Amino acid sequence: MRPYYKDGSAQALAEQALALAAHLDPEATVPVFFFSTELDGTGEITLTDHENKIDDLHAGLGRMGRTSYHAAVEAVLAHHGKEATPDTPALVIFQTDGAPDAKTPATKSLTDAAKSHPTVFFSFVAFGDPENKAFDYLRKLKTPNTSHFLAGETPRELTDKELYEGVLANWRP
C-alpha cells in the first residue's frame, strides 16, 4: 500500500467516498478503518475535515503490512452495530492491494456478515495490476454482500464516474 499512500491514491479514494456519502447526507461522516494483521486504527473524514486526513491518520499508525480482511470486516460490523439499526443499509468501500493473508477466515467473516448483517455491502476496490493472481480471491468470491472493482495500477487517475460505476455496480440497498 505504501505507493498508494505516497501518490495520494488512498486519500483520493477517501475523498471520493466522502463525496458519494454527501449525496445521501449533506452532513456526511465517513468512518475509516486501517487494518493489517489486526485493526490498526480508525478515524473519520467529514466535509469540513478531509484534506490530508488519510495521510495524517496513516502516519500515526506505524508500520503496517499484512492483509487480514476478517479483522476489518469484524471492526466494520461492530461499528455498524453501534451506529445504526440492523436494517440500515451500509456501503463499505473496502480498499485493498492484495488477497487476504488467510482466505478461510476472510471468507467466513464475509459469509457470516451476509447472514448477520444482510444490509451491509462490501465493495472491494483493488489497487494494483488487475492481472495479478492476488486478485483471484476477489474474482472467485461469491457472497451476496460483496463485489469487487479492479481499479488498476494508477487508481488516482480514475474519474469519479469510473470509480462510482465500479463501486456501485452491484450494490442494491
N, C-alpha and C. Protein backbone atom coordinates (compact mmCIF):
# COMPACT_ATOMS: atom_id res chain seq x y z
N MET A 1 0.80 -1.20 0.00
CA MET A 1 0.00 0.00 0.00
C MET A 1 0.84 1.26 0.00
N ARG A 2 2.10 1.15 0.42
CA ARG A 2 2.93 2.36 0.54
C ARG A 2 2.87 3.25 -0.69
N PRO A 3 3.01 2.69 -1.90
CA PRO A 3 3.00 3.60 -3.06
C PRO A 3 1.66 4.32 -3.24
N TYR A 4 0.58 3.71 -2.78
CA TYR A 4 -0.74 4.32 -2.95
C TYR A 4 -1.03 5.39 -1.91
N TYR A 5 -0.36 5.30 -0.78
CA TYR A 5 -0.42 6.42 0.17
C TYR A 5 0.45 7.54 -0.36
N LYS A 6 1.63 7.16 -0.85
CA LYS A 6 2.61 8.15 -1.30
C LYS A 6 2.10 8.97 -2.49
N ASP A 7 1.41 8.31 -3.45
CA ASP A 7 0.96 9.06 -4.63
C ASP A 7 -0.41 9.72 -4.46
N GLY A 8 -1.01 9.57 -3.27
CA GLY A 8 -2.28 10.22 -2.99
C GLY A 8 -3.51 9.41 -3.36
N SER A 9 -3.33 8.18 -3.85
CA SER A 9 -4.47 7.37 -4.26
C SER A 9 -5.39 7.02 -3.09
N ALA A 10 -4.81 6.70 -1.95
CA ALA A 10 -5.64 6.35 -0.78
C ALA A 10 -6.44 7.56 -0.32
N GLN A 11 -5.82 8.72 -0.29
CA GLN A 11 -6.51 9.96 0.09
C GLN A 11 -7.62 10.27 -0.93
N ALA A 12 -7.32 10.12 -2.20
CA ALA A 12 -8.30 10.42 -3.24
C ALA A 12 -9.52 9.51 -3.13
N LEU A 13 -9.30 8.21 -2.87
CA LEU A 13 -10.42 7.30 -2.73
C LEU A 13 -11.29 7.70 -1.54
N ALA A 14 -10.68 8.08 -0.44
CA ALA A 14 -11.45 8.52 0.73
C ALA A 14 -12.29 9.75 0.39
N GLU A 15 -11.73 10.67 -0.34
CA GLU A 15 -12.48 11.88 -0.71
C GLU A 15 -13.61 11.55 -1.67
N GLN A 16 -13.39 10.59 -2.56
CA GLN A 16 -14.47 10.16 -3.47
C GLN A 16 -15.58 9.46 -2.68
N ALA A 17 -15.21 8.66 -1.69
CA ALA A 17 -16.21 8.01 -0.83
C ALA A 17 -17.00 9.07 -0.06
N LEU A 18 -16.32 10.08 0.42
CA LEU A 18 -16.99 11.16 1.15
C LEU A 18 -17.96 11.91 0.23
N ALA A 19 -17.55 12.18 -0.98
CA ALA A 19 -18.44 12.86 -1.93
C ALA A 19 -19.68 12.02 -2.22
N LEU A 20 -19.49 10.73 -2.35
CA LEU A 20 -20.62 9.83 -2.57
C LEU A 20 -21.56 9.86 -1.37
N ALA A 21 -21.00 9.78 -0.18
CA ALA A 21 -21.82 9.82 1.05
C ALA A 21 -22.57 11.15 1.17
N ALA A 22 -21.95 12.22 0.74
CA ALA A 22 -22.58 13.55 0.85
C ALA A 22 -23.82 13.66 -0.04
N HIS A 23 -23.90 12.84 -1.08
CA HIS A 23 -25.10 12.85 -1.90
C HIS A 23 -26.30 12.28 -1.14
N LEU A 24 -26.02 11.44 -0.17
CA LEU A 24 -27.08 10.84 0.63
C LEU A 24 -27.35 11.63 1.91
N ASP A 25 -26.31 12.28 2.42
CA ASP A 25 -26.42 13.03 3.68
C ASP A 25 -25.48 14.22 3.60
N PRO A 26 -26.02 15.44 3.53
CA PRO A 26 -25.17 16.62 3.40
C PRO A 26 -24.24 16.85 4.59
N GLU A 27 -24.47 16.17 5.69
CA GLU A 27 -23.57 16.27 6.85
C GLU A 27 -22.81 14.97 7.04
N ALA A 28 -22.45 14.35 5.95
CA ALA A 28 -21.84 13.02 5.96
C ALA A 28 -20.56 12.96 6.78
N THR A 29 -20.45 11.86 7.49
CA THR A 29 -19.22 11.48 8.17
C THR A 29 -18.89 10.08 7.68
N VAL A 30 -17.67 9.89 7.21
CA VAL A 30 -17.26 8.58 6.71
C VAL A 30 -16.24 7.99 7.67
N PRO A 31 -16.61 6.89 8.34
CA PRO A 31 -15.64 6.24 9.21
C PRO A 31 -14.57 5.56 8.36
N VAL A 32 -13.35 5.53 8.87
CA VAL A 32 -12.22 4.95 8.16
C VAL A 32 -11.55 3.94 9.09
N PHE A 33 -11.27 2.76 8.55
CA PHE A 33 -10.62 1.69 9.31
C PHE A 33 -9.33 1.30 8.61
N PHE A 34 -8.25 1.27 9.36
CA PHE A 34 -6.96 0.84 8.83
C PHE A 34 -6.68 -0.54 9.42
N PHE A 35 -6.29 -1.47 8.57
CA PHE A 35 -6.04 -2.82 9.05
C PHE A 35 -4.80 -3.41 8.39
N SER A 36 -4.20 -4.33 9.09
CA SER A 36 -3.14 -5.18 8.54
C SER A 36 -3.36 -6.54 9.17
N THR A 37 -2.54 -6.93 10.14
CA THR A 37 -2.77 -8.19 10.83
C THR A 37 -4.02 -8.09 11.70
N GLU A 38 -4.27 -6.90 12.20
CA GLU A 38 -5.44 -6.63 13.03
C GLU A 38 -5.92 -5.23 12.69
N LEU A 39 -6.91 -4.77 13.41
CA LEU A 39 -7.35 -3.39 13.23
C LEU A 39 -6.25 -2.50 13.80
N ASP A 40 -5.67 -1.65 12.95
CA ASP A 40 -4.55 -0.81 13.37
C ASP A 40 -4.99 0.56 13.84
N GLY A 41 -6.12 1.02 13.36
CA GLY A 41 -6.58 2.34 13.76
C GLY A 41 -7.87 2.70 13.05
N THR A 42 -8.51 3.71 13.58
CA THR A 42 -9.75 4.21 12.99
C THR A 42 -9.71 5.73 12.97
N GLY A 43 -10.61 6.28 12.25
CA GLY A 43 -10.76 7.73 12.18
C GLY A 43 -12.00 8.03 11.39
N GLU A 44 -12.13 9.26 10.99
CA GLU A 44 -13.26 9.63 10.16
C GLU A 44 -12.89 10.85 9.34
N ILE A 45 -13.59 10.98 8.23
CA ILE A 45 -13.44 12.18 7.42
C ILE A 45 -14.81 12.80 7.27
N THR A 46 -14.82 14.12 7.19
CA THR A 46 -16.06 14.87 7.02
C THR A 46 -15.85 15.91 5.94
N LEU A 47 -16.92 16.55 5.56
CA LEU A 47 -16.80 17.58 4.53
C LEU A 47 -15.93 18.74 4.97
N THR A 48 -15.84 18.98 6.25
CA THR A 48 -15.02 20.08 6.74
C THR A 48 -13.64 19.63 7.23
N ASP A 49 -13.42 18.34 7.28
CA ASP A 49 -12.14 17.82 7.77
C ASP A 49 -11.74 16.58 6.98
N HIS A 50 -11.20 16.81 5.78
CA HIS A 50 -10.80 15.69 4.94
C HIS A 50 -9.44 15.88 4.27
N GLU A 51 -9.01 17.11 4.14
CA GLU A 51 -7.74 17.36 3.44
C GLU A 51 -6.59 16.71 4.18
N ASN A 52 -5.86 15.85 3.49
CA ASN A 52 -4.71 15.11 4.03
C ASN A 52 -5.04 14.24 5.25
N LYS A 53 -6.30 14.05 5.52
CA LYS A 53 -6.72 13.32 6.72
C LYS A 53 -6.26 11.86 6.69
N ILE A 54 -6.38 11.20 5.55
CA ILE A 54 -5.96 9.80 5.45
C ILE A 54 -4.46 9.69 5.67
N ASP A 55 -3.70 10.56 5.05
CA ASP A 55 -2.25 10.55 5.25
C ASP A 55 -1.89 10.81 6.70
N ASP A 56 -2.57 11.75 7.33
CA ASP A 56 -2.29 12.07 8.74
C ASP A 56 -2.63 10.89 9.65
N LEU A 57 -3.79 10.28 9.43
CA LEU A 57 -4.17 9.12 10.24
C LEU A 57 -3.19 7.96 10.03
N HIS A 58 -2.87 7.71 8.78
CA HIS A 58 -1.96 6.61 8.45
C HIS A 58 -0.58 6.84 9.05
N ALA A 59 -0.10 8.06 9.02
CA ALA A 59 1.24 8.37 9.55
C ALA A 59 1.35 8.05 11.04
N GLY A 60 0.25 8.13 11.75
CA GLY A 60 0.28 7.86 13.18
C GLY A 60 0.17 6.39 13.55
N LEU A 61 0.10 5.52 12.56
CA LEU A 61 -0.12 4.10 12.84
C LEU A 61 1.14 3.25 12.86
N GLY A 62 2.23 3.77 12.38
CA GLY A 62 3.44 2.97 12.34
C GLY A 62 3.43 2.00 11.17
N ARG A 63 4.31 1.04 11.24
CA ARG A 63 4.46 0.08 10.14
C ARG A 63 3.27 -0.86 10.08
N MET A 64 2.72 -0.97 8.89
CA MET A 64 1.62 -1.90 8.65
C MET A 64 2.08 -2.83 7.54
N GLY A 65 1.50 -4.03 7.48
CA GLY A 65 1.97 -4.93 6.44
C GLY A 65 0.97 -5.95 5.96
N ARG A 66 0.51 -6.80 6.79
CA ARG A 66 -0.30 -7.94 6.39
C ARG A 66 -1.68 -7.50 5.86
N THR A 67 -2.47 -8.47 5.44
CA THR A 67 -3.78 -8.18 4.86
C THR A 67 -4.81 -9.14 5.44
N SER A 68 -5.28 -8.84 6.61
CA SER A 68 -6.27 -9.68 7.29
C SER A 68 -7.66 -9.09 7.11
N TYR A 69 -8.31 -9.48 6.02
CA TYR A 69 -9.65 -8.96 5.73
C TYR A 69 -10.60 -9.14 6.91
N HIS A 70 -10.53 -10.32 7.54
CA HIS A 70 -11.51 -10.61 8.60
C HIS A 70 -11.44 -9.60 9.74
N ALA A 71 -10.26 -9.10 10.05
CA ALA A 71 -10.13 -8.10 11.11
C ALA A 71 -10.90 -6.83 10.75
N ALA A 72 -10.79 -6.43 9.50
CA ALA A 72 -11.50 -5.23 9.05
C ALA A 72 -13.01 -5.46 8.99
N VAL A 73 -13.41 -6.62 8.48
CA VAL A 73 -14.84 -6.93 8.38
C VAL A 73 -15.47 -6.90 9.77
N GLU A 74 -14.83 -7.55 10.72
CA GLU A 74 -15.36 -7.59 12.09
C GLU A 74 -15.45 -6.19 12.71
N ALA A 75 -14.44 -5.36 12.47
CA ALA A 75 -14.45 -3.99 13.01
C ALA A 75 -15.57 -3.16 12.38
N VAL A 76 -15.76 -3.30 11.09
CA VAL A 76 -16.82 -2.56 10.40
C VAL A 76 -18.19 -2.98 10.93
N LEU A 77 -18.40 -4.27 11.09
CA LEU A 77 -19.69 -4.75 11.58
C LEU A 77 -19.94 -4.30 13.01
N ALA A 78 -18.92 -4.31 13.84
CA ALA A 78 -19.08 -3.83 15.22
C ALA A 78 -19.46 -2.35 15.22
N HIS A 79 -18.80 -1.56 14.38
CA HIS A 79 -19.11 -0.14 14.27
C HIS A 79 -20.54 0.07 13.78
N HIS A 80 -20.91 -0.65 12.75
CA HIS A 80 -22.26 -0.52 12.18
C HIS A 80 -23.30 -0.89 13.24
N GLY A 81 -23.03 -1.91 14.03
CA GLY A 81 -23.95 -2.32 15.08
C GLY A 81 -24.16 -1.25 16.14
N LYS A 82 -23.13 -0.45 16.39
CA LYS A 82 -23.24 0.63 17.39
C LYS A 82 -23.91 1.87 16.82
N GLU A 83 -23.70 2.13 15.54
CA GLU A 83 -24.13 3.39 14.94
C GLU A 83 -25.48 3.35 14.24
N ALA A 84 -25.97 2.16 13.90
CA ALA A 84 -27.18 2.08 13.08
C ALA A 84 -28.06 0.93 13.53
N THR A 85 -29.31 0.98 13.10
CA THR A 85 -30.19 -0.14 13.35
C THR A 85 -29.81 -1.27 12.40
N PRO A 86 -30.13 -2.50 12.74
CA PRO A 86 -29.70 -3.64 11.93
C PRO A 86 -30.15 -3.59 10.47
N ASP A 87 -31.27 -2.93 10.19
CA ASP A 87 -31.77 -2.90 8.82
C ASP A 87 -31.30 -1.67 8.03
N THR A 88 -30.42 -0.86 8.62
CA THR A 88 -29.90 0.32 7.92
C THR A 88 -28.87 -0.12 6.89
N PRO A 89 -29.08 0.22 5.62
CA PRO A 89 -28.11 -0.17 4.61
C PRO A 89 -26.78 0.56 4.79
N ALA A 90 -25.70 -0.14 4.47
CA ALA A 90 -24.37 0.46 4.54
C ALA A 90 -23.54 -0.05 3.38
N LEU A 91 -22.88 0.86 2.73
CA LEU A 91 -21.93 0.52 1.68
C LEU A 91 -20.54 0.69 2.26
N VAL A 92 -19.77 -0.39 2.27
CA VAL A 92 -18.40 -0.37 2.76
C VAL A 92 -17.48 -0.40 1.55
N ILE A 93 -16.73 0.66 1.35
CA ILE A 93 -15.74 0.68 0.28
C ILE A 93 -14.46 0.15 0.91
N PHE A 94 -14.11 -1.06 0.52
CA PHE A 94 -13.03 -1.84 1.15
C PHE A 94 -11.84 -1.83 0.21
N GLN A 95 -10.91 -0.93 0.46
CA GLN A 95 -9.75 -0.79 -0.41
C GLN A 95 -8.67 -1.78 0.00
N THR A 96 -8.08 -2.46 -0.99
CA THR A 96 -7.03 -3.43 -0.74
C THR A 96 -6.03 -3.43 -1.88
N ASP A 97 -4.84 -3.92 -1.59
CA ASP A 97 -3.85 -4.07 -2.65
C ASP A 97 -3.49 -5.54 -2.84
N GLY A 98 -4.27 -6.44 -2.27
CA GLY A 98 -3.98 -7.86 -2.45
C GLY A 98 -5.02 -8.75 -1.82
N ALA A 99 -4.75 -10.03 -1.93
CA ALA A 99 -5.64 -11.04 -1.35
C ALA A 99 -5.45 -11.08 0.15
N PRO A 100 -6.43 -11.63 0.86
CA PRO A 100 -6.25 -11.78 2.30
C PRO A 100 -5.14 -12.79 2.58
N ASP A 101 -4.41 -12.55 3.67
CA ASP A 101 -3.37 -13.49 4.07
C ASP A 101 -3.98 -14.83 4.44
N ALA A 102 -5.13 -14.79 5.07
CA ALA A 102 -5.83 -16.00 5.49
C ALA A 102 -7.20 -16.01 4.82
N LYS A 103 -7.32 -16.80 3.77
CA LYS A 103 -8.55 -16.79 2.98
C LYS A 103 -9.74 -17.39 3.72
N THR A 104 -9.53 -18.45 4.47
CA THR A 104 -10.65 -19.09 5.17
C THR A 104 -11.31 -18.14 6.17
N PRO A 105 -10.56 -17.47 7.06
CA PRO A 105 -11.22 -16.52 7.96
C PRO A 105 -11.87 -15.35 7.22
N ALA A 106 -11.26 -14.92 6.13
CA ALA A 106 -11.83 -13.82 5.35
C ALA A 106 -13.18 -14.23 4.77
N THR A 107 -13.22 -15.38 4.15
CA THR A 107 -14.46 -15.85 3.55
C THR A 107 -15.52 -16.10 4.61
N LYS A 108 -15.11 -16.69 5.72
CA LYS A 108 -16.06 -16.94 6.82
C LYS A 108 -16.63 -15.63 7.35
N SER A 109 -15.79 -14.63 7.54
CA SER A 109 -16.29 -13.36 8.08
C SER A 109 -17.27 -12.70 7.12
N LEU A 110 -17.02 -12.79 5.82
CA LEU A 110 -17.93 -12.20 4.84
C LEU A 110 -19.22 -13.01 4.71
N THR A 111 -19.10 -14.33 4.77
CA THR A 111 -20.29 -15.19 4.72
C THR A 111 -21.15 -14.97 5.95
N ASP A 112 -20.52 -14.91 7.11
CA ASP A 112 -21.25 -14.63 8.35
C ASP A 112 -21.90 -13.25 8.31
N ALA A 113 -21.19 -12.28 7.76
CA ALA A 113 -21.72 -10.92 7.66
C ALA A 113 -22.97 -10.89 6.78
N ALA A 114 -22.97 -11.67 5.71
CA ALA A 114 -24.14 -11.70 4.83
C ALA A 114 -25.37 -12.21 5.57
N LYS A 115 -25.15 -13.09 6.54
CA LYS A 115 -26.27 -13.64 7.32
C LYS A 115 -26.66 -12.71 8.47
N SER A 116 -25.67 -12.22 9.21
CA SER A 116 -25.97 -11.43 10.40
C SER A 116 -26.23 -9.95 10.11
N HIS A 117 -25.69 -9.43 9.02
CA HIS A 117 -25.84 -8.02 8.64
C HIS A 117 -26.14 -7.94 7.13
N PRO A 118 -27.29 -8.44 6.70
CA PRO A 118 -27.56 -8.52 5.26
C PRO A 118 -27.62 -7.17 4.54
N THR A 119 -27.73 -6.09 5.28
CA THR A 119 -27.81 -4.77 4.64
C THR A 119 -26.44 -4.09 4.53
N VAL A 120 -25.39 -4.76 5.01
CA VAL A 120 -24.03 -4.21 4.91
C VAL A 120 -23.37 -4.85 3.69
N PHE A 121 -22.98 -4.01 2.74
CA PHE A 121 -22.42 -4.48 1.47
C PHE A 121 -20.96 -4.04 1.38
N PHE A 122 -20.09 -4.98 1.05
CA PHE A 122 -18.66 -4.72 0.93
C PHE A 122 -18.28 -4.64 -0.55
N SER A 123 -17.93 -3.45 -0.99
CA SER A 123 -17.48 -3.24 -2.36
C SER A 123 -15.95 -3.10 -2.32
N PHE A 124 -15.27 -4.15 -2.75
CA PHE A 124 -13.81 -4.16 -2.72
C PHE A 124 -13.26 -3.35 -3.88
N VAL A 125 -12.33 -2.47 -3.58
CA VAL A 125 -11.64 -1.68 -4.59
C VAL A 125 -10.17 -2.11 -4.54
N ALA A 126 -9.73 -2.77 -5.59
CA ALA A 126 -8.39 -3.34 -5.62
C ALA A 126 -7.43 -2.42 -6.36
N PHE A 127 -6.40 -1.98 -5.64
CA PHE A 127 -5.34 -1.17 -6.23
C PHE A 127 -4.21 -2.10 -6.64
N GLY A 128 -3.79 -2.00 -7.90
CA GLY A 128 -2.68 -2.81 -8.39
C GLY A 128 -3.01 -3.40 -9.75
N ASP A 129 -2.09 -4.19 -10.25
CA ASP A 129 -2.22 -4.82 -11.55
C ASP A 129 -3.46 -5.72 -11.58
N PRO A 130 -4.44 -5.42 -12.42
CA PRO A 130 -5.66 -6.23 -12.47
C PRO A 130 -5.41 -7.70 -12.82
N GLU A 131 -4.30 -7.98 -13.47
CA GLU A 131 -3.98 -9.36 -13.84
C GLU A 131 -3.27 -10.11 -12.72
N ASN A 132 -2.94 -9.43 -11.65
CA ASN A 132 -2.25 -10.05 -10.53
C ASN A 132 -3.08 -11.20 -9.97
N LYS A 133 -2.44 -12.34 -9.78
CA LYS A 133 -3.12 -13.53 -9.24
C LYS A 133 -3.67 -13.28 -7.84
N ALA A 134 -3.10 -12.30 -7.13
CA ALA A 134 -3.59 -11.98 -5.78
C ALA A 134 -5.06 -11.58 -5.80
N PHE A 135 -5.53 -11.06 -6.92
CA PHE A 135 -6.92 -10.64 -7.01
C PHE A 135 -7.86 -11.76 -7.42
N ASP A 136 -7.31 -12.95 -7.64
CA ASP A 136 -8.16 -14.11 -7.93
C ASP A 136 -9.14 -14.36 -6.79
N TYR A 137 -8.71 -14.11 -5.57
CA TYR A 137 -9.62 -14.29 -4.43
C TYR A 137 -10.88 -13.46 -4.62
N LEU A 138 -10.72 -12.21 -4.99
CA LEU A 138 -11.89 -11.34 -5.18
C LEU A 138 -12.71 -11.79 -6.38
N ARG A 139 -12.03 -12.22 -7.44
CA ARG A 139 -12.76 -12.68 -8.63
C ARG A 139 -13.62 -13.91 -8.32
N LYS A 140 -13.15 -14.75 -7.42
CA LYS A 140 -13.85 -16.00 -7.10
C LYS A 140 -14.81 -15.87 -5.92
N LEU A 141 -14.76 -14.77 -5.20
CA LEU A 141 -15.60 -14.59 -4.01
C LEU A 141 -17.06 -14.51 -4.43
N LYS A 142 -17.88 -15.38 -3.88
CA LYS A 142 -19.29 -15.46 -4.27
C LYS A 142 -20.20 -15.34 -3.06
N THR A 143 -20.14 -14.23 -2.38
CA THR A 143 -21.08 -13.98 -1.29
C THR A 143 -22.03 -12.89 -1.75
N PRO A 144 -23.28 -12.92 -1.26
CA PRO A 144 -24.27 -11.95 -1.76
C PRO A 144 -24.03 -10.51 -1.31
N ASN A 145 -23.11 -10.32 -0.39
CA ASN A 145 -22.87 -8.99 0.16
C ASN A 145 -21.56 -8.39 -0.31
N THR A 146 -21.02 -8.89 -1.42
CA THR A 146 -19.73 -8.38 -1.89
C THR A 146 -19.71 -8.19 -3.41
N SER A 147 -18.84 -7.30 -3.83
CA SER A 147 -18.48 -7.14 -5.23
C SER A 147 -17.05 -6.63 -5.25
N HIS A 148 -16.46 -6.59 -6.41
CA HIS A 148 -15.10 -6.04 -6.49
C HIS A 148 -14.95 -5.20 -7.75
N PHE A 149 -14.05 -4.26 -7.65
CA PHE A 149 -13.71 -3.37 -8.76
C PHE A 149 -12.20 -3.30 -8.81
N LEU A 150 -11.62 -3.69 -9.93
CA LEU A 150 -10.17 -3.65 -10.09
C LEU A 150 -9.79 -2.26 -10.60
N ALA A 151 -9.31 -1.43 -9.70
CA ALA A 151 -9.05 -0.02 -10.01
C ALA A 151 -7.77 0.19 -10.81
N GLY A 152 -6.90 -0.81 -10.85
CA GLY A 152 -5.68 -0.71 -11.65
C GLY A 152 -4.48 -0.18 -10.88
N GLU A 153 -3.40 -0.01 -11.61
CA GLU A 153 -2.13 0.40 -11.01
C GLU A 153 -2.04 1.90 -10.75
N THR A 154 -2.92 2.66 -11.38
CA THR A 154 -2.92 4.11 -11.19
C THR A 154 -4.34 4.56 -10.81
N PRO A 155 -4.82 4.12 -9.65
CA PRO A 155 -6.21 4.40 -9.27
C PRO A 155 -6.54 5.88 -9.14
N ARG A 156 -5.54 6.67 -8.87
CA ARG A 156 -5.80 8.12 -8.72
C ARG A 156 -6.22 8.74 -10.04
N GLU A 157 -5.89 8.09 -11.14
CA GLU A 157 -6.24 8.62 -12.45
C GLU A 157 -7.68 8.29 -12.87
N LEU A 158 -8.37 7.44 -12.09
CA LEU A 158 -9.76 7.13 -12.41
C LEU A 158 -10.63 8.37 -12.26
N THR A 159 -11.57 8.52 -13.14
CA THR A 159 -12.53 9.61 -12.98
C THR A 159 -13.52 9.20 -11.87
N ASP A 160 -14.21 10.18 -11.33
CA ASP A 160 -15.23 9.87 -10.33
C ASP A 160 -16.25 8.91 -10.93
N LYS A 161 -16.65 9.16 -12.16
CA LYS A 161 -17.64 8.31 -12.83
C LYS A 161 -17.16 6.87 -12.90
N GLU A 162 -15.92 6.65 -13.31
CA GLU A 162 -15.39 5.29 -13.40
C GLU A 162 -15.38 4.60 -12.04
N LEU A 163 -14.93 5.31 -11.03
CA LEU A 163 -14.89 4.73 -9.69
C LEU A 163 -16.30 4.42 -9.20
N TYR A 164 -17.21 5.37 -9.30
CA TYR A 164 -18.56 5.17 -8.78
C TYR A 164 -19.28 4.04 -9.52
N GLU A 165 -19.09 3.95 -10.82
CA GLU A 165 -19.70 2.84 -11.56
C GLU A 165 -19.14 1.50 -11.08
N GLY A 166 -17.84 1.45 -10.81
CA GLY A 166 -17.23 0.21 -10.33
C GLY A 166 -17.68 -0.15 -8.93
N VAL A 167 -17.72 0.83 -8.05
CA VAL A 167 -18.08 0.59 -6.65
C VAL A 167 -19.57 0.25 -6.50
N LEU A 168 -20.40 0.91 -7.29
CA LEU A 168 -21.85 0.78 -7.13
C LEU A 168 -22.49 -0.25 -8.06
N ALA A 169 -21.71 -0.89 -8.90
CA ALA A 169 -22.26 -1.78 -9.93
C ALA A 169 -23.22 -2.83 -9.37
N ASN A 170 -22.96 -3.39 -8.23
CA ASN A 170 -23.78 -4.48 -7.70
C ASN A 170 -24.48 -4.17 -6.38
N TRP A 171 -24.34 -2.97 -5.89
CA TRP A 171 -24.97 -2.62 -4.61
C TRP A 171 -26.42 -2.23 -4.83
N ARG A 172 -27.31 -2.91 -4.12
CA ARG A 172 -28.74 -2.60 -4.19
C ARG A 172 -29.27 -2.47 -2.77
N PRO A 173 -29.30 -1.24 -2.23
CA PRO A 173 -29.76 -1.08 -0.84
C PRO A 173 -31.25 -1.40 -0.69
